[in-house]
Every structure is written in C-alpha cells, then in structure tokens.
Amino acid sequence: MGTLFDRTTNEYHSLSDLPPQVLEALRADVEKFELPEVGANVIACYRTTSVPTSKHKKDKESEIQHLSIVLTPEMLYWVLDWRGKINVNWARLSEIEVGDYRRSPEYEIMPDEGVDVRGFVRGGRERVSAFIGLGEGGEADKLMAILGEAVKKAGGVWKQ
C-alpha cells in the first residue's frame, strides 16, 4: 500500500518567505501563549506541499495541504494551511521525543514520510503523538537532521 500523499519539502531562507497568513497566525500564537520570540532565532524554515495520490478524489485541488515548519533553539512550530484554514501547533524541544516516522509502529499500518513527535503539544497537560509529513530525501532529510540536532541540544529525545 502506498502513501496517501505525494509530498515535496522545500527550504525557505527566512520567515518572510512564508505566506503572510501563515506568518500572521504563527505570530499571533507566539504572542497569545507568550512563547519565545521567533524572529531572529530561526534555525530552519521549511514548507511541505502534500498532494493527494488517490485518483478517485473529485477535487484534488481543495485537498492540497501546505505545512510550514519553523524551528528555533527552543521550539518547533508546524502550521497547517488547508482549505483556507490555518492551524498552528507548537512544542518545546525539551519536552518532546522526535523520530523518523518510518521507524514508528504506525508506519506498518500507514506508510508515509516524515517525523513522529511525541510530547506536550500546544502547552497540553498530556503527552500526545503528532505526525509531521515531509517529502522524501533532499530537503526533507536536511530538515530531519537539523531537527534532530536541535532536539538533542535542547534536552529532548531524538530517536533515529
């Protein structure tokens, strides 16, 4: 069984490369939850486009998902832009366990490419699991390596 999406991950050189609505939503969450500043502290900024592979989808265009990933020394932010709605998620690197999704138990059930994040998301009180879809190889591998180093440096767990 193949994946449900064809994913392409691209590196962005700065926050200003993100779509304005994504950047606005991210900054609103940073302010609302009094999170560490994002601006000059960005280690990495990427955007993944996910296109459905299913041929029976009548309107594939409305099913395309865009996921922006912003990494700072303290935080991982991932912002989903889908069907005109923006959903901001975040986690403190010191409070999460991150690994290659291909090594997770879920991969056997639903193969895909990306990272598995386990921990406290959006300031929650219970540990949860979140999947961040990435493309294959190249830029996605580079992001995964940068993320792994940042998680370890912040005191989180990088499972490889």
Protein backbone atom coordinates (compact mmCIF):
# COMPACT_ATOMS: atom_id res chain seq x y z
CA MET A 1 0.00 0.00 0.00
CA GLY A 2 1.38 3.40 -0.95
CA THR A 3 1.13 6.73 0.77
CA LEU A 4 -1.95 8.91 0.58
CA PHE A 5 0.07 11.99 -0.44
CA ASP A 6 2.93 12.95 -2.70
CA ARG A 7 4.93 15.33 -0.53
CA THR A 8 7.53 17.91 -1.51
CA THR A 9 9.57 19.73 1.14
CA ASN A 10 11.40 22.96 0.35
CA GLU A 11 13.72 25.06 2.47
CA TYR A 12 12.79 28.70 2.98
CA HIS A 13 15.57 31.15 3.71
CA SER A 14 13.65 33.29 6.19
CA LEU A 15 10.31 33.69 7.90
CA SER A 16 9.39 36.38 5.39
CA ASP A 17 9.28 33.68 2.69
CA LEU A 18 6.24 32.12 4.39
CA PRO A 19 2.79 33.13 3.15
CA PRO A 20 1.57 36.23 5.04
CA GLN A 21 -1.46 34.46 6.54
CA VAL A 22 0.76 31.68 7.94
CA LEU A 23 3.23 34.15 9.41
CA GLU A 24 0.39 36.17 10.94
CA ALA A 25 -1.16 33.08 12.57
CA LEU A 26 2.23 31.95 13.89
CA ARG A 27 3.00 35.35 15.40
CA ALA A 28 -0.49 35.52 16.94
CA ASP A 29 0.09 32.20 18.74
CA VAL A 30 3.54 33.29 19.91
CA GLU A 31 2.01 36.42 21.42
CA LYS A 32 -1.13 34.75 22.82
CA PHE A 33 0.76 31.95 24.57
CA GLU A 34 3.79 34.09 25.47
CA LEU A 35 6.16 31.80 23.60
CA PRO A 36 9.81 32.58 22.84
CA GLU A 37 10.26 35.09 20.04
CA VAL A 38 10.50 33.57 16.56
CA GLY A 39 12.14 36.36 14.51
CA ALA A 40 15.94 36.27 14.57
CA ASN A 41 16.10 32.92 16.39
CA VAL A 42 15.04 30.76 13.45
CA ILE A 43 17.32 27.77 12.87
CA ALA A 44 15.29 26.35 10.00
CA CYS A 45 12.22 27.25 7.98
CA TYR A 46 10.62 24.76 5.56
CA ARG A 47 7.35 24.22 3.73
CA THR A 48 5.89 20.89 2.66
CA THR A 49 3.21 20.62 -0.01
CA SER A 50 1.12 17.45 0.15
CA VAL A 51 -0.91 16.44 -2.91
CA PRO A 52 -3.37 13.53 -2.63
CA THR A 53 -2.41 10.44 -4.62
CA SER A 54 -5.91 8.99 -4.70
CA LYS A 55 -7.33 9.09 -8.22
CA HIS A 56 -10.91 8.97 -7.05
CA LYS A 57 -10.75 12.39 -5.40
CA LYS A 58 -13.07 14.63 -7.39
CA ASP A 59 -11.44 17.89 -6.38
CA LYS A 60 -7.76 17.22 -5.67
CA GLU A 61 -7.00 20.96 -5.66
CA SER A 62 -9.06 21.53 -2.48
CA GLU A 63 -7.27 18.62 -0.79
CA ILE A 64 -3.74 20.02 -1.25
CA GLN A 65 -2.17 20.73 2.14
CA HIS A 66 0.66 23.13 2.93
CA LEU A 67 2.64 22.66 6.12
CA SER A 68 5.14 25.28 7.27
CA ILE A 69 7.79 24.14 9.74
CA VAL A 70 9.72 26.68 11.80
CA LEU A 71 12.46 25.63 14.18
CA THR A 72 14.12 27.78 16.85
CA PRO A 73 16.61 26.72 19.56
CA GLU A 74 13.69 26.22 21.96
CA MET A 75 10.63 25.50 19.84
CA LEU A 76 9.22 23.51 16.96
CA TYR A 77 6.28 25.13 15.17
CA TRP A 78 4.26 23.48 12.43
CA VAL A 79 1.47 25.39 10.73
CA LEU A 80 -1.08 23.62 8.54
CA ASP A 81 -2.69 25.67 5.77
CA TRP A 82 -5.54 23.62 4.31
CA ARG A 83 -8.90 24.51 2.78
CA GLY A 84 -8.40 28.14 3.71
CA LYS A 85 -7.90 27.42 7.40
CA ILE A 86 -4.68 27.83 9.36
CA ASN A 87 -3.86 25.57 12.32
CA VAL A 88 -0.78 26.42 14.41
CA ASN A 89 0.88 23.72 16.50
CA TRP A 90 3.98 24.01 18.64
CA ALA A 91 6.07 22.13 21.14
CA ARG A 92 9.07 22.92 23.30
CA LEU A 93 12.04 20.89 22.06
CA SER A 94 13.00 19.99 25.63
CA GLU A 95 9.59 18.33 26.17
CA ILE A 96 9.36 16.13 23.09
CA GLU A 97 10.63 12.91 21.62
CA VAL A 98 11.09 13.05 17.86
CA GLY A 99 11.90 10.27 15.42
CA ASP A 100 11.77 9.21 11.81
CA TYR A 101 8.18 8.12 11.17
CA ARG A 102 9.43 5.17 9.08
CA ARG A 103 10.70 3.62 12.33
CA SER A 104 7.42 4.05 14.21
CA PRO A 105 4.90 1.23 14.75
CA GLU A 106 2.32 3.26 12.81
CA TYR A 107 4.40 3.04 9.64
CA GLU A 108 3.38 -0.61 9.16
CA ILE A 109 -0.28 0.43 9.12
CA MET A 110 0.06 3.71 7.21
CA PRO A 111 3.34 4.14 5.30
CA ASP A 112 4.44 7.75 4.86
CA GLU A 113 7.46 10.06 5.12
CA GLY A 114 8.04 12.49 7.96
CA VAL A 115 8.64 12.76 11.67
CA ASP A 116 6.76 11.43 14.65
CA VAL A 117 6.53 13.92 17.52
CA ARG A 118 5.53 12.70 20.98
CA GLY A 119 5.14 15.01 23.91
CA PHE A 120 3.34 18.10 25.09
CA VAL A 121 1.85 19.95 22.11
CA ARG A 122 0.32 23.44 22.35
CA GLY A 123 1.00 23.53 26.08
CA GLY A 124 -1.19 20.49 26.75
CA ARG A 125 -1.09 18.63 30.03
CA GLU A 126 -0.94 15.18 28.46
CA ARG A 127 1.59 13.73 26.07
CA VAL A 128 0.26 13.26 22.55
CA SER A 129 1.59 11.98 19.26
CA ALA A 130 1.69 14.13 16.13
CA PHE A 131 2.80 13.32 12.61
CA ILE A 132 4.60 15.94 10.51
CA GLY A 133 4.61 14.87 6.87
CA LEU A 134 7.73 15.57 4.83
CA GLY A 135 8.84 14.75 1.33
CA GLU A 136 11.44 12.10 0.54
CA GLY A 137 15.18 12.76 0.51
CA GLY A 138 16.96 16.06 -0.16
CA GLU A 139 15.44 18.98 1.72
CA ALA A 140 13.33 16.72 3.96
CA ASP A 141 16.39 14.76 5.08
CA LYS A 142 18.24 18.01 5.74
CA LEU A 143 15.34 19.26 7.89
CA MET A 144 15.22 15.97 9.79
CA ALA A 145 18.96 16.20 10.58
CA ILE A 146 18.67 19.83 11.75
CA LEU A 147 15.62 18.97 13.86
CA GLY A 148 17.38 16.00 15.44
CA GLU A 149 20.37 18.10 16.45
CA ALA A 150 18.17 20.89 17.82
CA VAL A 151 16.07 18.46 19.88
CA LYS A 152 19.17 16.84 21.40
CA LYS A 153 20.76 20.20 22.14
CA ALA A 154 17.57 21.43 23.89
CA GLY A 155 17.35 18.31 26.07
CA GLY A 156 14.62 16.48 24.19
CA VAL A 157 14.93 12.98 22.74
CA TRP A 158 15.92 12.29 19.13
CA LYS A 159 15.12 8.70 18.15
CA GLN A 160 16.89 7.69 14.99
